[in-house]
All heavy atoms as atom14 arrays in JSON, in Angstrom:
{
  "sequence": "DWLRLHQKLIRRVQWVVVFAYLLLVAVPAFLPLPERTAHIWTN",
  "atom14_mask": [
    [1, 1, 1, 1, 1, 1, 1, 1, 0, 0, 0, 0, 0, 0],
    [1, 1, 1, 1, 1, 1, 1, 1, 1, 1, 1, 1, 1, 1],
    [1, 1, 1, 1, 1, 1, 1, 1, 0, 0, 0, 0, 0, 0],
    [1, 1, 1, 1, 1, 1, 1, 1, 1, 1, 1, 0, 0, 0],
    [1, 1, 1, 1, 1, 1, 1, 1, 0, 0, 0, 0, 0, 0],
    [1, 1, 1, 1, 1, 1, 1, 1, 1, 1, 0, 0, 0, 0],
    [1, 1, 1, 1, 1, 1, 1, 1, 1, 0, 0, 0, 0, 0],
    [1, 1, 1, 1, 1, 1, 1, 1, 1, 0, 0, 0, 0, 0],
    [1, 1, 1, 1, 1, 1, 1, 1, 0, 0, 0, 0, 0, 0],
    [1, 1, 1, 1, 1, 1, 1, 1, 0, 0, 0, 0, 0, 0],
    [1, 1, 1, 1, 1, 1, 1, 1, 1, 1, 1, 0, 0, 0],
    [1, 1, 1, 1, 1, 1, 1, 1, 1, 1, 1, 0, 0, 0],
    [1, 1, 1, 1, 1, 1, 1, 0, 0, 0, 0, 0, 0, 0],
    [1, 1, 1, 1, 1, 1, 1, 1, 1, 0, 0, 0, 0, 0],
    [1, 1, 1, 1, 1, 1, 1, 1, 1, 1, 1, 1, 1, 1],
    [1, 1, 1, 1, 1, 1, 1, 0, 0, 0, 0, 0, 0, 0],
    [1, 1, 1, 1, 1, 1, 1, 0, 0, 0, 0, 0, 0, 0],
    [1, 1, 1, 1, 1, 1, 1, 0, 0, 0, 0, 0, 0, 0],
    [1, 1, 1, 1, 1, 1, 1, 1, 1, 1, 1, 0, 0, 0],
    [1, 1, 1, 1, 1, 0, 0, 0, 0, 0, 0, 0, 0, 0],
    [1, 1, 1, 1, 1, 1, 1, 1, 1, 1, 1, 1, 0, 0],
    [1, 1, 1, 1, 1, 1, 1, 1, 0, 0, 0, 0, 0, 0],
    [1, 1, 1, 1, 1, 1, 1, 1, 0, 0, 0, 0, 0, 0],
    [1, 1, 1, 1, 1, 1, 1, 1, 0, 0, 0, 0, 0, 0],
    [1, 1, 1, 1, 1, 1, 1, 0, 0, 0, 0, 0, 0, 0],
    [1, 1, 1, 1, 1, 0, 0, 0, 0, 0, 0, 0, 0, 0],
    [1, 1, 1, 1, 1, 1, 1, 0, 0, 0, 0, 0, 0, 0],
    [1, 1, 1, 1, 1, 1, 1, 0, 0, 0, 0, 0, 0, 0],
    [1, 1, 1, 1, 1, 0, 0, 0, 0, 0, 0, 0, 0, 0],
    [1, 1, 1, 1, 1, 1, 1, 1, 1, 1, 1, 0, 0, 0],
    [1, 1, 1, 1, 1, 1, 1, 1, 0, 0, 0, 0, 0, 0],
    [1, 1, 1, 1, 1, 1, 1, 0, 0, 0, 0, 0, 0, 0],
    [1, 1, 1, 1, 1, 1, 1, 1, 0, 0, 0, 0, 0, 0],
    [1, 1, 1, 1, 1, 1, 1, 0, 0, 0, 0, 0, 0, 0],
    [1, 1, 1, 1, 1, 1, 1, 1, 1, 0, 0, 0, 0, 0],
    [1, 1, 1, 1, 1, 1, 1, 1, 1, 1, 1, 0, 0, 0],
    [1, 1, 1, 1, 1, 1, 1, 0, 0, 0, 0, 0, 0, 0],
    [1, 1, 1, 1, 1, 0, 0, 0, 0, 0, 0, 0, 0, 0],
    [1, 1, 1, 1, 1, 1, 1, 1, 1, 1, 0, 0, 0, 0],
    [1, 1, 1, 1, 1, 1, 1, 1, 0, 0, 0, 0, 0, 0],
    [1, 1, 1, 1, 1, 1, 1, 1, 1, 1, 1, 1, 1, 1],
    [1, 1, 1, 1, 1, 1, 1, 0, 0, 0, 0, 0, 0, 0],
    [1, 1, 1, 1, 1, 1, 1, 1, 0, 0, 0, 0, 0, 0]
  ],
  "atom14_positions": [
    [[55.13, 15.68, 34.68], [54.28, 14.67, 35.3], [53.45, 13.93, 34.25], [53.2, 12.72, 34.37], [53.36, 15.32, 36.33], [54.11, 15.83, 37.55], [55.23, 15.33, 37.8], [53.59, 16.73, 38.22], [0.0, 0.0, 0.0], [0.0, 0.0, 0.0], [0.0, 0.0, 0.0], [0.0, 0.0, 0.0], [0.0, 0.0, 0.0], [0.0, 0.0, 0.0]],
    [[53.0, 14.66, 33.23], [52.24, 14.02, 32.16], [53.09, 12.96, 31.47], [52.59, 11.86, 31.16], [51.79, 15.07, 31.14], [50.9, 14.52, 30.06], [49.55, 14.44, 30.06], [51.35, 13.98, 28.8], [49.1, 13.87, 28.89], [50.17, 13.57, 28.1], [52.58, 13.79, 28.21], [50.23, 12.99, 26.83], [52.64, 13.2, 26.94], [51.49, 12.81, 26.28]],
    [[54.36, 13.26, 31.23], [55.25, 12.26, 30.62], [55.35, 11.03, 31.51], [55.32, 9.89, 31.02], [56.64, 12.86, 30.41], [56.78, 13.93, 29.32], [58.18, 14.53, 29.36], [56.5, 13.35, 27.94], [0.0, 0.0, 0.0], [0.0, 0.0, 0.0], [0.0, 0.0, 0.0], [0.0, 0.0, 0.0], [0.0, 0.0, 0.0], [0.0, 0.0, 0.0]],
    [[55.47, 11.24, 32.82], [55.58, 10.11, 33.74], [54.33, 9.24, 33.72], [54.41, 8.0, 33.77], [55.83, 10.63, 35.15], [55.75, 9.56, 36.24], [56.19, 10.14, 37.57], [55.38, 11.26, 37.98], [54.37, 11.2, 38.86], [54.06, 10.04, 39.4], [53.71, 12.28, 39.2], [0.0, 0.0, 0.0], [0.0, 0.0, 0.0], [0.0, 0.0, 0.0]],
    [[53.18, 9.87, 33.63], [51.91, 9.15, 33.7], [51.49, 8.53, 32.37], [50.52, 7.77, 32.34], [50.81, 10.09, 34.2], [50.99, 10.64, 35.61], [49.96, 11.72, 35.91], [50.91, 9.51, 36.63], [0.0, 0.0, 0.0], [0.0, 0.0, 0.0], [0.0, 0.0, 0.0], [0.0, 0.0, 0.0], [0.0, 0.0, 0.0], [0.0, 0.0, 0.0]],
    [[52.2, 8.84, 31.29], [51.8, 8.35, 29.96], [52.95, 7.59, 29.3], [53.18, 7.71, 28.1], [51.34, 9.51, 29.07], [50.05, 10.13, 29.51], [49.99, 11.07, 30.52], [48.77, 9.93, 29.09], [48.72, 11.44, 30.69], [47.97, 10.76, 29.85], [0.0, 0.0, 0.0], [0.0, 0.0, 0.0], [0.0, 0.0, 0.0], [0.0, 0.0, 0.0]],
    [[53.65, 6.79, 30.08], [54.74, 6.0, 29.52], [54.27, 4.96, 28.51], [54.98, 4.64, 27.55], [55.53, 5.32, 30.65], [56.35, 6.29, 31.49], [57.44, 6.97, 30.7], [58.25, 6.3, 30.04], [57.49, 8.29, 30.74], [0.0, 0.0, 0.0], [0.0, 0.0, 0.0], [0.0, 0.0, 0.0], [0.0, 0.0, 0.0], [0.0, 0.0, 0.0]],
    [[53.07, 4.43, 28.7], [52.55, 3.46, 27.73], [52.34, 4.12, 26.37], [52.64, 3.53, 25.32], [51.24, 2.85, 28.23], [51.42, 1.9, 29.4], [50.09, 1.25, 29.77], [50.27, 0.26, 30.92], [48.98, -0.38, 31.31], [0.0, 0.0, 0.0], [0.0, 0.0, 0.0], [0.0, 0.0, 0.0], [0.0, 0.0, 0.0], [0.0, 0.0, 0.0]],
    [[51.83, 5.35, 26.38], [51.65, 6.08, 25.13], [53.0, 6.35, 24.47], [53.14, 6.21, 23.24], [50.92, 7.39, 25.39], [50.77, 8.35, 24.19], [49.97, 7.69, 23.08], [50.13, 9.66, 24.63], [0.0, 0.0, 0.0], [0.0, 0.0, 0.0], [0.0, 0.0, 0.0], [0.0, 0.0, 0.0], [0.0, 0.0, 0.0], [0.0, 0.0, 0.0]],
    [[54.01, 6.72, 25.26], [55.34, 6.97, 24.72], [55.9, 5.7, 24.08], [56.51, 5.74, 22.99], [56.27, 7.49, 25.82], [55.86, 8.91, 26.23], [57.73, 7.48, 25.37], [56.63, 9.46, 27.4], [0.0, 0.0, 0.0], [0.0, 0.0, 0.0], [0.0, 0.0, 0.0], [0.0, 0.0, 0.0], [0.0, 0.0, 0.0], [0.0, 0.0, 0.0]],
    [[55.68, 4.55, 24.71], [56.17, 3.3, 24.13], [55.47, 3.0, 22.81], [56.1, 2.48, 21.87], [55.99, 2.16, 25.13], [57.03, 2.18, 26.25], [57.02, 0.89, 27.03], [55.83, 0.74, 27.85], [55.71, 1.22, 29.09], [56.72, 1.89, 29.63], [54.61, 1.02, 29.78], [0.0, 0.0, 0.0], [0.0, 0.0, 0.0], [0.0, 0.0, 0.0]],
    [[54.19, 3.32, 22.71], [53.5, 3.11, 21.44], [54.07, 4.02, 20.36], [54.26, 3.59, 19.21], [52.0, 3.37, 21.61], [51.29, 2.36, 22.51], [49.79, 2.54, 22.44], [49.1, 1.65, 23.38], [48.59, 2.04, 24.53], [48.68, 3.32, 24.9], [47.99, 1.18, 25.32], [0.0, 0.0, 0.0], [0.0, 0.0, 0.0], [0.0, 0.0, 0.0]],
    [[54.35, 5.27, 20.73], [54.97, 6.19, 19.77], [56.33, 5.65, 19.33], [56.68, 5.7, 18.14], [55.11, 7.59, 20.4], [55.97, 8.49, 19.53], [53.74, 8.21, 20.63], [0.0, 0.0, 0.0], [0.0, 0.0, 0.0], [0.0, 0.0, 0.0], [0.0, 0.0, 0.0], [0.0, 0.0, 0.0], [0.0, 0.0, 0.0], [0.0, 0.0, 0.0]],
    [[57.09, 5.11, 20.27], [58.4, 4.57, 19.93], [58.28, 3.41, 18.94], [59.09, 3.3, 18.02], [59.11, 4.12, 21.2], [59.59, 5.26, 22.07], [60.13, 4.8, 23.42], [59.82, 3.69, 23.88], [60.91, 5.65, 24.06], [0.0, 0.0, 0.0], [0.0, 0.0, 0.0], [0.0, 0.0, 0.0], [0.0, 0.0, 0.0], [0.0, 0.0, 0.0]],
    [[57.27, 2.56, 19.1], [57.09, 1.45, 18.16], [56.74, 1.96, 16.78], [57.2, 1.41, 15.77], [56.02, 0.48, 18.67], [56.55, -0.53, 19.64], [56.22, -0.67, 20.95], [57.51, -1.55, 19.35], [56.93, -1.72, 21.51], [57.72, -2.26, 20.55], [58.23, -1.92, 18.21], [58.62, -3.34, 20.62], [59.12, -2.98, 18.28], [59.31, -3.69, 19.48]],
    [[55.95, 3.01, 16.69], [55.64, 3.6, 15.39], [56.91, 4.11, 14.72], [57.14, 3.89, 13.52], [54.6, 4.74, 15.54], [54.44, 5.49, 14.22], [53.25, 4.19, 16.0], [0.0, 0.0, 0.0], [0.0, 0.0, 0.0], [0.0, 0.0, 0.0], [0.0, 0.0, 0.0], [0.0, 0.0, 0.0], [0.0, 0.0, 0.0], [0.0, 0.0, 0.0]],
    [[57.74, 4.8, 15.5], [59.0, 5.32, 14.97], [59.92, 4.17, 14.54], [60.58, 4.23, 13.49], [59.7, 6.23, 15.99], [61.06, 6.68, 15.47], [58.84, 7.44, 16.32], [0.0, 0.0, 0.0], [0.0, 0.0, 0.0], [0.0, 0.0, 0.0], [0.0, 0.0, 0.0], [0.0, 0.0, 0.0], [0.0, 0.0, 0.0], [0.0, 0.0, 0.0]],
    [[59.95, 3.1, 15.33], [60.79, 1.94, 15.0], [60.39, 1.36, 13.64], [61.25, 1.11, 12.78], [60.69, 0.86, 16.1], [61.25, -0.48, 15.59], [61.44, 1.3, 17.34], [0.0, 0.0, 0.0], [0.0, 0.0, 0.0], [0.0, 0.0, 0.0], [0.0, 0.0, 0.0], [0.0, 0.0, 0.0], [0.0, 0.0, 0.0], [0.0, 0.0, 0.0]],
    [[59.1, 1.14, 13.43], [58.66, 0.54, 12.17], [58.92, 1.48, 10.99], [59.34, 1.04, 9.91], [57.18, 0.17, 12.26], [56.91, -1.04, 13.1], [56.07, -0.97, 14.19], [57.52, -2.25, 12.81], [55.83, -2.09, 14.98], [57.3, -3.38, 13.59], [56.45, -3.3, 14.68], [0.0, 0.0, 0.0], [0.0, 0.0, 0.0], [0.0, 0.0, 0.0]],
    [[58.67, 2.77, 11.17], [58.95, 3.73, 10.1], [60.44, 3.78, 9.8], [60.86, 3.82, 8.63], [58.43, 5.11, 10.49], [0.0, 0.0, 0.0], [0.0, 0.0, 0.0], [0.0, 0.0, 0.0], [0.0, 0.0, 0.0], [0.0, 0.0, 0.0], [0.0, 0.0, 0.0], [0.0, 0.0, 0.0], [0.0, 0.0, 0.0], [0.0, 0.0, 0.0]],
    [[61.24, 3.75, 10.84], [62.7, 3.79, 10.7], [63.2, 2.56, 9.94], [63.98, 2.68, 8.97], [63.31, 3.85, 12.1], [64.81, 3.66, 12.18], [65.68, 4.71, 11.88], [65.35, 2.45, 12.58], [67.05, 4.54, 11.99], [66.72, 2.27, 12.68], [67.56, 3.31, 12.38], [68.92, 3.14, 12.48], [0.0, 0.0, 0.0], [0.0, 0.0, 0.0]],
    [[62.76, 1.38, 10.34], [63.2, 0.16, 9.68], [62.77, 0.14, 8.22], [63.52, -0.3, 7.33], [62.66, -1.06, 10.42], [63.2, -1.27, 11.84], [62.53, -2.47, 12.49], [64.71, -1.45, 11.83], [0.0, 0.0, 0.0], [0.0, 0.0, 0.0], [0.0, 0.0, 0.0], [0.0, 0.0, 0.0], [0.0, 0.0, 0.0], [0.0, 0.0, 0.0]],
    [[61.57, 0.61, 7.94], [61.08, 0.67, 6.56], [61.95, 1.58, 5.71], [62.39, 1.19, 4.61], [59.63, 1.15, 6.54], [59.03, 1.43, 5.16], [58.87, 0.12, 4.39], [57.68, 2.13, 5.29], [0.0, 0.0, 0.0], [0.0, 0.0, 0.0], [0.0, 0.0, 0.0], [0.0, 0.0, 0.0], [0.0, 0.0, 0.0], [0.0, 0.0, 0.0]],
    [[62.23, 2.77, 6.21], [62.96, 3.75, 5.41], [64.45, 3.43, 5.31], [65.11, 3.84, 4.35], [62.77, 5.15, 6.01], [61.35, 5.71, 5.94], [61.28, 7.06, 6.63], [60.89, 5.83, 4.5], [0.0, 0.0, 0.0], [0.0, 0.0, 0.0], [0.0, 0.0, 0.0], [0.0, 0.0, 0.0], [0.0, 0.0, 0.0], [0.0, 0.0, 0.0]],
    [[64.99, 2.69, 6.27], [66.41, 2.31, 6.21], [66.61, 1.09, 5.32], [67.52, 1.05, 4.49], [66.97, 2.04, 7.62], [68.32, 1.36, 7.54], [67.12, 3.34, 8.38], [0.0, 0.0, 0.0], [0.0, 0.0, 0.0], [0.0, 0.0, 0.0], [0.0, 0.0, 0.0], [0.0, 0.0, 0.0], [0.0, 0.0, 0.0], [0.0, 0.0, 0.0]],
    [[65.76, 0.09, 5.5], [66.0, -1.2, 4.85], [65.51, -1.28, 3.41], [66.24, -1.71, 2.52], [65.36, -2.31, 5.68], [0.0, 0.0, 0.0], [0.0, 0.0, 0.0], [0.0, 0.0, 0.0], [0.0, 0.0, 0.0], [0.0, 0.0, 0.0], [0.0, 0.0, 0.0], [0.0, 0.0, 0.0], [0.0, 0.0, 0.0], [0.0, 0.0, 0.0]],
    [[64.3, -0.87, 3.15], [63.7, -1.11, 1.83], [64.44, -0.41, 0.7], [64.73, -1.03, -0.34], [62.2, -0.72, 1.86], [61.6, -0.83, 0.46], [61.44, -1.61, 2.83], [0.0, 0.0, 0.0], [0.0, 0.0, 0.0], [0.0, 0.0, 0.0], [0.0, 0.0, 0.0], [0.0, 0.0, 0.0], [0.0, 0.0, 0.0], [0.0, 0.0, 0.0]],
    [[64.78, 0.89, 0.81], [65.45, 1.55, -0.32], [66.76, 0.9, -0.74], [67.16, 1.0, -1.9], [65.69, 2.97, 0.21], [64.63, 3.18, 1.23], [64.48, 1.85, 1.89], [0.0, 0.0, 0.0], [0.0, 0.0, 0.0], [0.0, 0.0, 0.0], [0.0, 0.0, 0.0], [0.0, 0.0, 0.0], [0.0, 0.0, 0.0], [0.0, 0.0, 0.0]],
    [[67.45, 0.21, 0.18], [68.72, -0.42, -0.16], [68.56, -1.53, -1.19], [69.53, -1.92, -1.85], [69.39, -0.96, 1.09], [0.0, 0.0, 0.0], [0.0, 0.0, 0.0], [0.0, 0.0, 0.0], [0.0, 0.0, 0.0], [0.0, 0.0, 0.0], [0.0, 0.0, 0.0], [0.0, 0.0, 0.0], [0.0, 0.0, 0.0], [0.0, 0.0, 0.0]],
    [[67.34, -2.06, -1.34], [67.09, -3.15, -2.27], [66.32, -2.7, -3.52], [65.9, -3.52, -4.32], [66.32, -4.27, -1.56], [67.07, -4.84, -0.38], [66.81, -4.38, 0.9], [68.06, -5.79, -0.56], [67.51, -4.89, 1.99], [68.76, -6.3, 0.51], [68.48, -5.86, 1.79], [0.0, 0.0, 0.0], [0.0, 0.0, 0.0], [0.0, 0.0, 0.0]],
    [[66.15, -1.4, -3.65], [65.47, -0.85, -4.82], [66.49, -0.26, -5.79], [67.6, 0.1, -5.39], [64.49, 0.25, -4.38], [63.35, -0.17, -3.46], [62.52, 1.05, -3.06], [62.46, -1.22, -4.12], [0.0, 0.0, 0.0], [0.0, 0.0, 0.0], [0.0, 0.0, 0.0], [0.0, 0.0, 0.0], [0.0, 0.0, 0.0], [0.0, 0.0, 0.0]],
    [[66.13, -0.13, -7.07], [67.04, 0.52, -8.02], [67.26, 1.97, -7.62], [66.41, 2.61, -6.99], [66.29, 0.42, -9.36], [65.26, -0.65, -9.16], [64.9, -0.62, -7.71], [0.0, 0.0, 0.0], [0.0, 0.0, 0.0], [0.0, 0.0, 0.0], [0.0, 0.0, 0.0], [0.0, 0.0, 0.0], [0.0, 0.0, 0.0], [0.0, 0.0, 0.0]],
    [[68.41, 2.52, -7.99], [68.67, 3.93, -7.73], [67.66, 4.79, -8.49], [67.26, 4.44, -9.61], [70.09, 4.31, -8.15], [71.23, 3.69, -7.32], [72.58, 4.08, -7.9], [71.13, 4.12, -5.87], [0.0, 0.0, 0.0], [0.0, 0.0, 0.0], [0.0, 0.0, 0.0], [0.0, 0.0, 0.0], [0.0, 0.0, 0.0], [0.0, 0.0, 0.0]],
    [[67.21, 5.88, -7.91], [66.18, 6.7, -8.56], [66.67, 7.31, -9.87], [67.85, 7.66, -10.0], [65.87, 7.78, -7.51], [67.07, 7.83, -6.64], [67.61, 6.44, -6.6], [0.0, 0.0, 0.0], [0.0, 0.0, 0.0], [0.0, 0.0, 0.0], [0.0, 0.0, 0.0], [0.0, 0.0, 0.0], [0.0, 0.0, 0.0], [0.0, 0.0, 0.0]],
    [[65.76, 7.46, -10.81], [66.08, 8.11, -12.06], [66.16, 9.62, -11.84], [65.69, 10.15, -10.84], [65.03, 7.77, -13.12], [64.95, 6.28, -13.42], [63.86, 5.98, -14.44], [63.13, 6.92, -14.83], [63.73, 4.81, -14.84], [0.0, 0.0, 0.0], [0.0, 0.0, 0.0], [0.0, 0.0, 0.0], [0.0, 0.0, 0.0], [0.0, 0.0, 0.0]],
    [[66.71, 10.31, -12.83], [66.88, 11.75, -12.71], [65.55, 12.49, -12.61], [65.48, 13.59, -12.08], [67.69, 12.29, -13.9], [69.14, 11.81, -13.91], [69.91, 12.43, -15.06], [71.29, 11.97, -15.1], [72.28, 12.49, -14.4], [72.04, 13.52, -13.6], [73.51, 12.01, -14.5], [0.0, 0.0, 0.0], [0.0, 0.0, 0.0], [0.0, 0.0, 0.0]],
    [[64.49, 11.88, -13.16], [63.18, 12.53, -13.16], [62.37, 12.22, -11.91], [61.24, 12.7, -11.78], [62.37, 12.1, -14.39], [62.27, 10.66, -14.41], [63.06, 12.57, -15.67], [0.0, 0.0, 0.0], [0.0, 0.0, 0.0], [0.0, 0.0, 0.0], [0.0, 0.0, 0.0], [0.0, 0.0, 0.0], [0.0, 0.0, 0.0], [0.0, 0.0, 0.0]],
    [[62.92, 11.41, -11.0], [62.17, 11.03, -9.8], [62.05, 12.21, -8.84], [62.86, 13.15, -8.85], [62.86, 9.86, -9.11], [0.0, 0.0, 0.0], [0.0, 0.0, 0.0], [0.0, 0.0, 0.0], [0.0, 0.0, 0.0], [0.0, 0.0, 0.0], [0.0, 0.0, 0.0], [0.0, 0.0, 0.0], [0.0, 0.0, 0.0], [0.0, 0.0, 0.0]],
    [[61.01, 12.17, -8.0], [60.76, 13.21, -7.02], [60.67, 12.6, -5.62], [60.45, 11.39, -5.45], [59.45, 13.94, -7.34], [59.47, 14.68, -8.63], [60.08, 15.91, -8.78], [58.95, 14.36, -9.85], [59.95, 16.32, -10.03], [59.26, 15.4, -10.7], [0.0, 0.0, 0.0], [0.0, 0.0, 0.0], [0.0, 0.0, 0.0], [0.0, 0.0, 0.0]],
    [[60.82, 13.45, -4.63], [60.76, 13.0, -3.24], [59.43, 12.32, -2.95], [59.37, 11.3, -2.25], [60.97, 14.19, -2.28], [62.41, 14.71, -2.37], [60.66, 13.8, -0.84], [62.66, 15.98, -1.6], [0.0, 0.0, 0.0], [0.0, 0.0, 0.0], [0.0, 0.0, 0.0], [0.0, 0.0, 0.0], [0.0, 0.0, 0.0], [0.0, 0.0, 0.0]],
    [[58.34, 12.86, -3.5], [57.01, 12.33, -3.17], [56.6, 11.15, -4.05], [55.54, 10.58, -3.84], [55.97, 13.45, -3.27], [55.9, 14.1, -4.63], [55.17, 13.7, -5.71], [56.6, 15.27, -5.03], [55.38, 14.53, -6.77], [56.25, 15.52, -6.38], [57.49, 16.15, -4.4], [56.75, 16.6, -7.11], [58.0, 17.21, -5.11], [57.63, 17.44, -6.44]],
    [[57.43, 10.78, -5.04], [57.09, 9.64, -5.91], [58.09, 8.5, -5.81], [57.84, 7.43, -6.37], [57.01, 10.09, -7.38], [58.3, 10.59, -7.8], [55.96, 11.16, -7.57], [0.0, 0.0, 0.0], [0.0, 0.0, 0.0], [0.0, 0.0, 0.0], [0.0, 0.0, 0.0], [0.0, 0.0, 0.0], [0.0, 0.0, 0.0], [0.0, 0.0, 0.0]],
    [[59.2, 8.7, -5.11], [60.25, 7.69, -5.04], [60.64, 7.45, -3.59], [61.04, 8.38, -2.89], [61.47, 8.14, -5.85], [62.54, 7.08, -5.93], [63.36, 6.94, -5.03], [62.53, 6.31, -7.01], [0.0, 0.0, 0.0], [0.0, 0.0, 0.0], [0.0, 0.0, 0.0], [0.0, 0.0, 0.0], [0.0, 0.0, 0.0], [0.0, 0.0, 0.0]]
  ]
}
């Protein structure tokens, strides 16, 4: 019932996921390939 009553909140969460998804899918494709010394938290 909580899910039914909070559909607006779910839609906001979906928009956050959409923007994060588009950022992580699109931007790296136009960046140089990471160097061997790169790390997950720096690249």
